[in-house]
């Protein structure tokens, strides 16, 4: 994709400074993928720029999905067999059947679907947790190619699990090691993926532990999503999930613990001490009827991230869901807003651990930004920005997406993407999956 000089005029620019949002009205000039000027008086440093008139709309940094399952994208309307009346049955009769059916062409189609959905929703950074056990080798590179070719950035891992036997477990370990040691670059980073405590044996944890300590790597794992994770872990291994991970020295400041619903006070203390982040996926939790976190037990210093668990790409909706559940659980408005503001900056800081140039909308920053179809109906300033954000901005569609100075979405339309061709590929592979899933 060619980089043009771009000038965005008449915009509310939501700059991040010292853990605050400072909205200013003005223009942004972009050259060679960087923000080179921000002016409030209409002055211009660049000539021959492509002009985007924001028309008084709000510009923010792009969104990040901290727990996605790209491989789940084709799982729409599949012919399900068996009970779906418990979390374990949902896994056995849907997700663990689906992931075994996936081949690399299906993985590619899933990634194509995911990145287009993500761009439409202003998500340009994806932390993905992948599973295709019968086609492990090369699966992460397949996803990486789609992400890079569409201009996005990703942090990838493969879901290591012993549930399918030693051979497939070792292939998953090797796929994680390959992406981490051989395939990372400016746009693609890696974590070490683990499924969940109840499907990972002690020997596997120890093997992973040695690797992440030697290479300063974080893990990406499901934690206490359902009570069965704790019950099975204690029955099989004599310890609950967080104690198993802690004893194996798997927890660090680069780690993502997805879900974290059924946690005790001592569990939270271990997580807080480790510096690992919790990634909430509340839409998925409600869908699976597994419960919700006890938000009042969460230590203030524990980073809180937000993901979609592969249900969709609308991370703004997931962020709003978190706010509403905080209010529903008894948080005052001040407490709920404080929690959300902390989470917003937790996410900004965590992303910078993987991408040091993750933007703040300041001069010299990488030009990653989104324009929301939201014109503030009342004055917007540092003091009331979050009221606009939670009740206005994220309730609207993303109109324009700029990534590294390149326009990916312009006035709701994709740039340089053959959407019809991609849609045909998605359907063809989805149809193959449908037929194969029904025959299982």
Protein backbone atom coordinates (compact mmCIF):
# COMPACT_ATOMS: atom_id res chain seq x y z
CA UNK A 1 0.00 0.00 0.00
CA UNK A 2 1.35 3.38 -1.00
CA UNK A 3 1.93 6.01 1.66
CA UNK A 4 0.56 9.43 0.74
CA UNK A 5 0.85 12.69 2.59
CA UNK A 6 -2.43 13.04 4.43
CA UNK A 7 -3.99 16.03 6.13
CA UNK A 8 -7.00 15.61 8.41
CA UNK A 9 -8.78 18.90 8.99
CA UNK A 10 -11.57 20.07 11.31
CA UNK A 11 -11.08 17.28 13.83
CA UNK A 12 -11.34 16.86 17.59
CA UNK A 13 -7.94 15.27 18.22
CA UNK A 14 -7.91 13.14 21.39
CA UNK A 15 -4.27 13.38 22.37
CA UNK A 16 -2.86 11.24 25.18
CA UNK A 17 -0.66 13.13 27.61
CA UNK A 18 0.32 11.94 31.09
CA UNK A 19 -2.56 9.47 31.45
CA UNK A 20 -5.07 12.07 30.37
CA UNK A 21 -6.95 12.75 27.14
CA UNK A 22 -6.53 16.34 25.95
CA UNK A 23 -8.97 16.97 23.08
CA UNK A 24 -8.01 19.86 20.82
CA UNK A 25 -9.75 21.08 17.67
CA UNK A 26 -7.46 21.35 14.69
CA UNK A 27 -5.64 19.61 11.85
CA UNK A 28 -3.24 16.67 11.66
CA UNK A 29 -0.59 16.36 8.97
CA UNK A 30 0.92 12.96 8.15
CA UNK A 31 4.06 12.29 6.15
CA UNK A 32 5.84 8.93 5.65
CA UNK A 33 3.64 7.26 8.22
CA UNK A 34 4.30 9.83 10.97
CA UNK A 35 2.37 12.74 12.43
CA UNK A 36 4.50 15.73 11.49
CA UNK A 37 2.27 18.56 12.68
CA UNK A 38 -0.84 19.31 14.70
CA UNK A 39 -2.16 22.81 14.29
CA UNK A 40 -5.12 24.76 15.59
CA UNK A 41 -4.84 27.66 13.15
CA UNK A 42 -5.07 25.95 9.79
CA UNK A 43 -1.39 26.34 8.94
CA UNK A 44 0.09 23.68 6.68
CA UNK A 45 3.61 22.28 6.41
CA UNK A 46 2.93 19.84 3.60
CA UNK A 47 1.91 20.29 0.00
CA UNK A 48 0.09 17.81 -2.23
CA UNK A 49 -1.62 16.14 0.69
CA UNK A 50 -4.76 14.07 0.52
CA UNK A 51 -7.32 16.06 2.50
CA UNK A 52 -9.73 14.31 4.84
CA UNK A 53 -12.31 16.71 6.25
CA UNK A 54 -13.40 15.28 9.60
CA UNK A 55 -16.21 17.82 9.75
CA UNK A 56 -15.96 18.24 13.51
CA UNK A 57 -15.73 14.51 14.23
CA UNK A 58 -13.56 12.90 16.92
CA UNK A 59 -10.18 11.31 16.23
CA UNK A 60 -8.69 8.77 18.66
CA UNK A 61 -5.92 6.22 18.67
CA UNK A 62 -6.95 2.87 17.13
CA UNK A 63 -8.54 0.13 19.19
CA UNK A 64 -6.82 -3.07 20.33
CA UNK A 65 -8.41 -6.50 20.70
CA UNK A 66 -6.43 -8.14 23.50
CA UNK A 67 -8.05 -11.57 23.23
CA UNK A 68 -9.33 -12.68 19.84
CA UNK A 69 -9.87 -16.12 18.33
CA UNK A 70 -9.51 -15.52 14.61
CA UNK A 71 -10.05 -19.24 13.97
CA UNK A 72 -13.66 -18.94 15.21
CA UNK A 73 -14.84 -16.58 12.46
CA UNK A 74 -16.42 -19.25 10.24
CA UNK A 75 -18.39 -20.73 13.15
CA UNK A 76 -21.73 -19.26 12.13
CA UNK A 77 -24.76 -21.51 11.72
CA UNK A 78 -22.83 -24.77 11.97
CA UNK A 79 -24.89 -28.00 12.30
CA UNK A 80 -24.35 -28.69 16.00
CA UNK A 81 -24.80 -32.12 17.51
CA UNK A 82 -24.86 -32.92 21.20
CA UNK A 83 -25.72 -30.90 24.26
CA UNK A 84 -24.68 -27.27 24.69
CA UNK A 85 -25.86 -27.07 28.29
CA UNK A 86 -22.50 -26.59 30.03
CA UNK A 87 -19.17 -24.97 29.32
CA UNK A 88 -17.47 -28.35 28.89
CA UNK A 89 -20.14 -29.45 26.41
CA UNK A 90 -19.78 -26.18 24.47
CA UNK A 91 -16.07 -26.93 24.15
CA UNK A 92 -16.51 -30.59 23.18
CA UNK A 93 -19.45 -30.18 20.80
CA UNK A 94 -18.44 -26.94 19.11
CA UNK A 95 -14.97 -25.49 19.59
CA UNK A 96 -12.93 -28.68 19.93
CA UNK A 97 -14.68 -30.16 16.92
CA UNK A 98 -14.27 -26.98 14.91
CA UNK A 99 -10.57 -26.48 15.52
CA UNK A 100 -9.77 -30.08 14.49
CA UNK A 101 -11.58 -29.51 11.17
CA UNK A 102 -9.64 -26.40 10.18
CA UNK A 103 -7.10 -26.56 7.37
CA UNK A 104 -4.81 -23.71 6.36
CA UNK A 105 -7.17 -22.40 3.68
CA UNK A 106 -9.94 -22.17 6.27
CA UNK A 107 -7.52 -20.45 8.64
CA UNK A 108 -6.68 -17.93 5.92
CA UNK A 109 -10.37 -17.26 5.21
CA UNK A 110 -11.03 -16.84 8.93
CA UNK A 111 -8.20 -14.31 9.13
CA UNK A 112 -9.53 -12.41 6.11
CA UNK A 113 -12.95 -12.19 7.74
CA UNK A 114 -11.44 -11.11 11.05
CA UNK A 115 -9.26 -8.34 9.66
CA UNK A 116 -12.07 -6.79 7.60
CA UNK A 117 -14.38 -6.85 10.61
CA UNK A 118 -11.61 -5.37 12.72
CA UNK A 119 -10.91 -2.51 10.35
CA UNK A 120 -14.62 -1.63 10.20
CA UNK A 121 -14.58 -1.44 13.98
CA UNK A 122 -11.40 0.62 14.25
CA UNK A 123 -9.33 -2.30 15.57
CA UNK A 124 -5.88 -2.29 14.00
CA UNK A 125 -3.97 -4.28 16.65
CA UNK A 126 -5.01 -7.89 17.37
CA UNK A 127 -3.70 -10.18 20.12
CA UNK A 128 -4.83 -13.54 18.77
CA UNK A 129 -5.06 -16.97 20.41
CA UNK A 130 -5.11 -19.59 17.65
CA UNK A 131 -6.05 -23.27 17.42
CA UNK A 132 -6.06 -25.63 14.41
CA UNK A 133 -4.48 -28.76 15.91
CA UNK A 134 -4.60 -30.94 12.80
CA UNK A 135 -2.94 -28.19 10.77
CA UNK A 136 -0.59 -26.53 13.23
CA UNK A 137 2.57 -26.04 11.20
CA UNK A 138 2.47 -22.75 9.31
CA UNK A 139 -0.87 -21.68 10.76
CA UNK A 140 0.49 -18.61 12.56
CA UNK A 141 2.39 -17.49 9.47
CA UNK A 142 -0.84 -17.87 7.48
CA UNK A 143 -2.58 -15.48 9.88
CA UNK A 144 0.43 -13.15 9.97
CA UNK A 145 0.42 -12.82 6.18
CA UNK A 146 -3.23 -11.76 6.12
CA UNK A 147 -2.73 -9.28 8.95
CA UNK A 148 0.31 -7.68 7.34
CA UNK A 149 -1.17 -7.62 3.84
CA UNK A 150 -4.13 -5.59 5.11
CA UNK A 151 -1.93 -3.15 7.03
CA UNK A 152 -2.72 -4.30 10.57
CA UNK A 153 -0.45 -5.47 13.38
CA UNK A 154 -0.78 -8.63 15.43
CA UNK A 155 0.57 -10.51 18.43
CA UNK A 156 0.13 -14.21 17.69
CA UNK A 157 0.32 -17.50 19.53
CA UNK A 158 -0.86 -21.08 19.19
CA UNK A 159 -3.08 -22.65 21.84
CA UNK A 160 -0.88 -25.38 23.34
CA UNK A 161 -2.91 -28.21 24.87
CA UNK A 162 -2.39 -31.84 25.82
CA UNK A 163 -6.01 -32.74 25.13
CA UNK A 164 -5.17 -34.10 21.65
CA UNK A 165 -2.12 -36.14 22.62
CA UNK A 166 1.63 -35.63 22.87
CA UNK A 167 2.34 -35.24 19.14
CA UNK A 168 -0.09 -32.36 18.60
CA UNK A 169 0.99 -30.77 21.87
CA UNK A 170 4.62 -30.76 20.73
CA UNK A 171 3.62 -29.34 17.35
CA UNK A 172 1.85 -26.48 19.15
CA UNK A 173 4.96 -25.80 21.22
CA UNK A 174 7.08 -25.78 18.07
CA UNK A 175 4.68 -23.43 16.28
CA UNK A 176 4.88 -20.97 19.17
CA UNK A 177 8.67 -21.17 19.21
CA UNK A 178 8.89 -20.67 15.45
CA UNK A 179 6.81 -17.50 15.40
CA UNK A 180 8.69 -16.12 18.40
CA UNK A 181 12.19 -16.92 17.20
CA UNK A 182 11.90 -16.68 13.41
CA UNK A 183 8.83 -14.80 12.22
CA UNK A 184 8.46 -11.61 14.26
CA UNK A 185 9.01 -8.21 12.68
CA UNK A 186 7.78 -4.61 12.96
CA UNK A 187 4.16 -5.65 12.60
CA UNK A 188 4.01 -9.22 13.91
CA UNK A 189 4.98 -10.15 17.46
CA UNK A 190 4.53 -13.31 19.47
CA UNK A 191 3.44 -14.67 22.83
CA UNK A 192 3.44 -18.26 24.07
CA UNK A 193 -0.07 -19.67 23.84
CA UNK A 194 -1.57 -22.15 26.31
CA UNK A 195 -5.18 -23.32 26.28
CA UNK A 196 -6.10 -23.54 29.97
CA UNK A 197 -4.80 -25.22 33.08
CA UNK A 198 -7.18 -28.17 32.88
CA UNK A 199 -5.85 -29.32 29.47
CA UNK A 200 -2.13 -28.69 30.00
CA UNK A 201 0.01 -31.25 31.86
CA UNK A 202 2.83 -30.43 34.28
CA UNK A 203 5.57 -31.52 31.88
CA UNK A 204 4.25 -29.14 29.24
CA UNK A 205 4.13 -26.24 31.70
CA UNK A 206 7.72 -26.87 32.72
CA UNK A 207 8.89 -27.00 29.10
CA UNK A 208 7.14 -23.72 28.32
CA UNK A 209 8.46 -22.17 31.53
CA UNK A 210 12.07 -22.77 30.57
CA UNK A 211 11.54 -21.24 27.14
CA UNK A 212 9.77 -18.08 28.25
CA UNK A 213 12.33 -17.41 30.99
CA UNK A 214 15.20 -17.83 28.55
CA UNK A 215 13.57 -15.53 25.99
CA UNK A 216 11.69 -12.97 28.15
CA UNK A 217 8.29 -13.86 26.69
CA UNK A 218 4.74 -13.57 28.02
CA UNK A 219 2.07 -16.27 27.94
CA UNK A 220 -1.47 -15.92 26.60
CA UNK A 221 -3.81 -18.33 28.39
CA UNK A 222 -7.41 -18.86 29.48
CA UNK A 223 -7.75 -18.57 33.25
CA UNK A 224 -10.74 -19.64 35.36
CA UNK A 225 -13.22 -18.94 32.57
CA UNK A 226 -15.52 -21.57 34.07
CA UNK A 227 -15.55 -23.26 37.46
CA UNK A 228 -14.66 -26.52 35.71
CA UNK A 229 -11.17 -25.16 34.99
CA UNK A 230 -10.55 -25.01 38.74
CA UNK A 231 -12.33 -28.27 39.58
CA UNK A 232 -10.54 -30.34 36.92
CA UNK A 233 -7.16 -28.73 37.63
CA UNK A 234 -7.42 -29.50 41.33
CA UNK A 235 -8.61 -33.07 40.65
CA UNK A 236 -5.89 -33.84 38.04
CA UNK A 237 -2.96 -31.83 39.37
CA UNK A 238 -3.75 -31.05 43.01
CA UNK A 239 -3.60 -27.27 42.47
CA UNK A 240 -5.83 -24.55 41.13
CA UNK A 241 -4.91 -22.90 37.80
CA UNK A 242 -3.20 -19.74 39.06
CA UNK A 243 -1.08 -21.70 41.54
CA UNK A 244 0.00 -24.07 38.76
CA UNK A 245 1.05 -21.17 36.54
CA UNK A 246 2.76 -19.38 39.42
CA UNK A 247 4.62 -22.48 40.58
CA UNK A 248 5.86 -22.99 37.01
CA UNK A 249 7.01 -19.34 36.89
CA UNK A 250 4.87 -18.60 33.85
CA UNK A 251 3.47 -15.26 34.99
CA UNK A 252 5.09 -11.94 34.12
CA UNK A 253 4.28 -8.40 33.02
CA UNK A 254 4.01 -9.44 29.36
CA UNK A 255 1.36 -12.11 30.05
CA UNK A 256 -2.36 -12.07 29.26
CA UNK A 257 -4.73 -14.05 31.48
CA UNK A 258 -8.01 -14.19 29.57
CA UNK A 259 -11.33 -14.14 31.44
CA UNK A 260 -10.25 -14.51 35.10
CA UNK A 261 -13.78 -14.98 36.42
CA UNK A 262 -13.64 -17.50 39.24
CA UNK A 263 -10.74 -16.12 41.25
CA UNK A 264 -10.16 -15.94 45.00
CA UNK A 265 -8.50 -13.20 46.98
CA UNK A 266 -5.27 -15.22 47.07
CA UNK A 267 -5.47 -15.71 43.28
CA UNK A 268 -5.70 -11.96 42.77
CA UNK A 269 -2.72 -11.46 45.08
CA UNK A 270 -0.59 -13.79 42.94
CA UNK A 271 -1.68 -12.04 39.75
CA UNK A 272 -0.98 -8.63 41.25
CA UNK A 273 2.48 -9.70 42.39
CA UNK A 274 3.32 -11.08 38.94
CA UNK A 275 2.24 -7.97 37.03
CA UNK A 276 0.27 -10.08 34.53
CA UNK A 277 -2.79 -8.54 32.89
CA UNK A 278 -6.39 -9.76 32.99
CA UNK A 279 -8.26 -9.59 29.67
CA UNK A 280 -12.03 -9.40 30.11
CA UNK A 281 -14.38 -10.82 27.46
CA UNK A 282 -17.78 -10.17 28.97
CA UNK A 283 -19.95 -10.72 25.88
CA UNK A 284 -18.54 -14.23 25.63
CA UNK A 285 -18.96 -14.87 29.35
CA UNK A 286 -22.62 -13.90 29.17
CA UNK A 287 -23.10 -16.01 26.03
CA UNK A 288 -21.56 -19.09 27.69
CA UNK A 289 -23.33 -18.48 31.00
CA UNK A 290 -20.08 -18.90 32.95
CA UNK A 291 -20.52 -15.89 35.24
CA UNK A 292 -18.78 -12.53 35.54
CA UNK A 293 -15.73 -11.39 37.50
CA UNK A 294 -16.05 -9.95 40.99
CA UNK A 295 -14.80 -6.54 39.91
CA UNK A 296 -14.54 -5.21 43.45
CA UNK A 297 -11.84 -7.79 44.24
CA UNK A 298 -9.56 -6.69 41.38
CA UNK A 299 -6.39 -5.01 42.71
CA UNK A 300 -5.91 -1.45 41.49
CA UNK A 301 -2.44 -2.23 40.17
CA UNK A 302 -3.52 -5.21 38.02
CA UNK A 303 -3.72 -4.19 34.35
CA UNK A 304 -7.20 -4.67 32.87
CA UNK A 305 -7.45 -5.31 29.12
CA UNK A 306 -10.50 -5.95 26.94
CA UNK A 307 -11.08 -8.63 24.29
CA UNK A 308 -13.92 -10.18 22.33
CA UNK A 309 -13.00 -13.89 22.63
CA UNK A 310 -13.61 -14.19 18.89
CA UNK A 311 -17.35 -13.48 19.15
CA UNK A 312 -17.02 -10.33 17.08
CA UNK A 313 -14.55 -7.52 16.35
CA UNK A 314 -16.46 -4.69 18.02
CA UNK A 315 -14.06 -3.97 20.87
CA UNK A 316 -15.84 -0.68 21.58
CA UNK A 317 -18.97 -2.67 22.44
CA UNK A 318 -16.92 -4.88 24.74
CA UNK A 319 -15.49 -1.80 26.44
CA UNK A 320 -19.00 -0.41 26.97
CA UNK A 321 -20.16 -3.82 28.25
CA UNK A 322 -17.46 -3.63 30.92
CA UNK A 323 -18.69 -0.22 32.02
CA UNK A 324 -22.31 -1.36 32.21
CA UNK A 325 -21.41 -4.48 34.19
CA UNK A 326 -19.40 -2.36 36.62
CA UNK A 327 -22.46 -0.20 37.20
CA UNK A 328 -24.70 -3.27 37.46
CA UNK A 329 -22.38 -4.79 40.08
CA UNK A 330 -22.76 -1.78 42.35
CA UNK A 331 -19.96 0.56 41.32
CA UNK A 332 -20.85 4.24 41.64
CA UNK A 333 -20.50 6.38 38.54
CA UNK A 334 -17.23 7.77 39.87
CA UNK A 335 -15.91 4.27 40.63
CA UNK A 336 -16.99 2.88 37.26
CA UNK A 337 -15.52 5.80 35.32
CA UNK A 338 -12.30 5.49 37.31
CA UNK A 339 -12.07 1.78 36.52
CA UNK A 340 -12.65 2.39 32.81
CA UNK A 341 -10.12 5.22 32.59
CA UNK A 342 -7.55 3.04 34.33
CA UNK A 343 -8.30 0.21 31.90
CA UNK A 344 -7.94 2.52 28.88
CA UNK A 345 -4.44 3.53 29.94
CA UNK A 346 -3.58 -0.03 31.07
CA UNK A 347 -4.30 -1.09 27.48
CA UNK A 348 -2.21 1.72 26.05
CA UNK A 349 0.75 0.80 28.25
CA UNK A 350 0.42 -2.95 27.61
CA UNK A 351 0.33 -2.49 23.83
CA UNK A 352 3.55 -0.49 24.03
CA UNK A 353 5.31 -3.50 25.55
CA UNK A 354 4.86 -5.23 22.19
CA UNK A 355 4.88 -2.20 19.89
CA UNK A 356 7.06 0.54 21.33
CA UNK A 357 5.74 2.99 18.71
CA UNK A 358 2.07 2.46 19.63
CA UNK A 359 0.67 5.97 19.20
CA UNK A 360 -0.60 8.70 21.49
CA UNK A 361 -1.68 11.16 18.75
CA UNK A 362 1.23 13.50 19.34
CA UNK A 363 3.72 15.02 16.90
CA UNK A 364 6.32 12.45 15.92
CA UNK A 365 4.03 9.50 16.61
CA UNK A 366 3.31 6.72 14.17
CA UNK A 367 0.17 7.77 12.28
CA UNK A 368 -2.32 5.16 13.52
CA UNK A 369 -5.71 6.72 14.17
CA UNK A 370 -9.44 6.38 13.68
CA UNK A 371 -12.14 8.94 12.94
CA UNK A 372 -15.46 8.21 14.62
CA UNK A 373 -18.76 9.31 13.09
CA UNK A 374 -19.37 11.43 16.16
CA UNK A 375 -19.66 15.20 16.29
CA UNK A 376 -19.82 16.33 19.94
CA UNK A 377 -23.25 17.86 20.61
CA UNK A 378 -21.86 19.77 23.61
CA UNK A 379 -18.40 21.17 24.36
CA UNK A 380 -15.70 18.52 24.76
CA UNK A 381 -12.64 19.02 26.96
CA UNK A 382 -10.26 17.20 29.26
CA UNK A 383 -12.79 17.20 32.12
CA UNK A 384 -15.74 15.68 30.27
CA UNK A 385 -14.01 13.60 27.58
CA UNK A 386 -14.95 10.27 29.17
CA UNK A 387 -18.62 11.16 29.26
CA UNK A 388 -18.42 11.78 25.52
CA UNK A 389 -16.37 8.61 24.99
CA UNK A 390 -18.55 6.13 26.88
CA UNK A 391 -21.96 7.54 25.98
CA UNK A 392 -21.27 9.00 22.55
CA UNK A 393 -18.07 8.20 20.69
CA UNK A 394 -18.00 4.41 21.05
CA UNK A 395 -21.73 4.17 20.33
CA UNK A 396 -21.06 5.39 16.79
CA UNK A 397 -19.45 3.73 13.78
CA UNK A 398 -15.85 4.25 12.75
CA UNK A 399 -15.84 6.36 9.60
CA UNK A 400 -12.15 6.36 8.65
CA UNK A 401 -9.10 4.29 9.62
CA UNK A 402 -5.52 5.39 9.04
CA UNK A 403 -2.70 2.96 9.86
CA UNK A 404 0.95 3.92 9.51
CA UNK A 405 -0.19 6.83 7.36
CA UNK A 406 -2.16 4.58 4.99
CA UNK A 407 -5.90 4.95 4.62
CA UNK A 408 -7.51 1.55 5.23
CA UNK A 409 -11.10 2.75 5.53
CA UNK A 410 -12.39 5.98 4.00
CA UNK A 411 -15.89 7.22 4.68
CA UNK A 412 -16.97 3.67 5.70
CA UNK A 413 -15.47 2.09 2.54
CA UNK A 414 -12.37 -0.10 2.31
CA UNK A 415 -9.38 1.19 0.40
CA UNK A 416 -7.39 -1.14 -1.87
CA UNK A 417 -9.39 -4.23 -0.86
CA UNK A 418 -11.30 -6.49 -3.22
CA UNK A 419 -14.10 -7.15 -0.75
CA UNK A 420 -16.18 -9.22 -3.18
CA UNK A 421 -13.28 -11.58 -3.94
CA UNK A 422 -12.52 -12.00 -0.24
CA UNK A 423 -16.19 -12.63 0.57
CA UNK A 424 -16.30 -15.43 -2.02
CA UNK A 425 -13.23 -17.06 -0.51
CA UNK A 426 -14.70 -16.79 2.97
CA UNK A 427 -17.96 -18.42 1.85
CA UNK A 428 -16.25 -21.20 -0.09
CA UNK A 429 -14.16 -22.17 2.91
CA UNK A 430 -17.06 -21.70 5.29
CA UNK A 431 -19.14 -24.04 3.15
CA UNK A 432 -16.37 -26.66 3.25
CA UNK A 433 -16.22 -26.34 7.03
CA UNK A 434 -20.01 -26.61 7.26
CA UNK A 435 -20.02 -29.86 5.30
CA UNK A 436 -17.09 -31.34 7.20
CA UNK A 437 -18.47 -30.32 10.59
CA UNK A 438 -21.81 -31.93 9.77
CA UNK A 439 -20.12 -35.19 8.81
CA UNK A 440 -18.17 -35.48 12.07
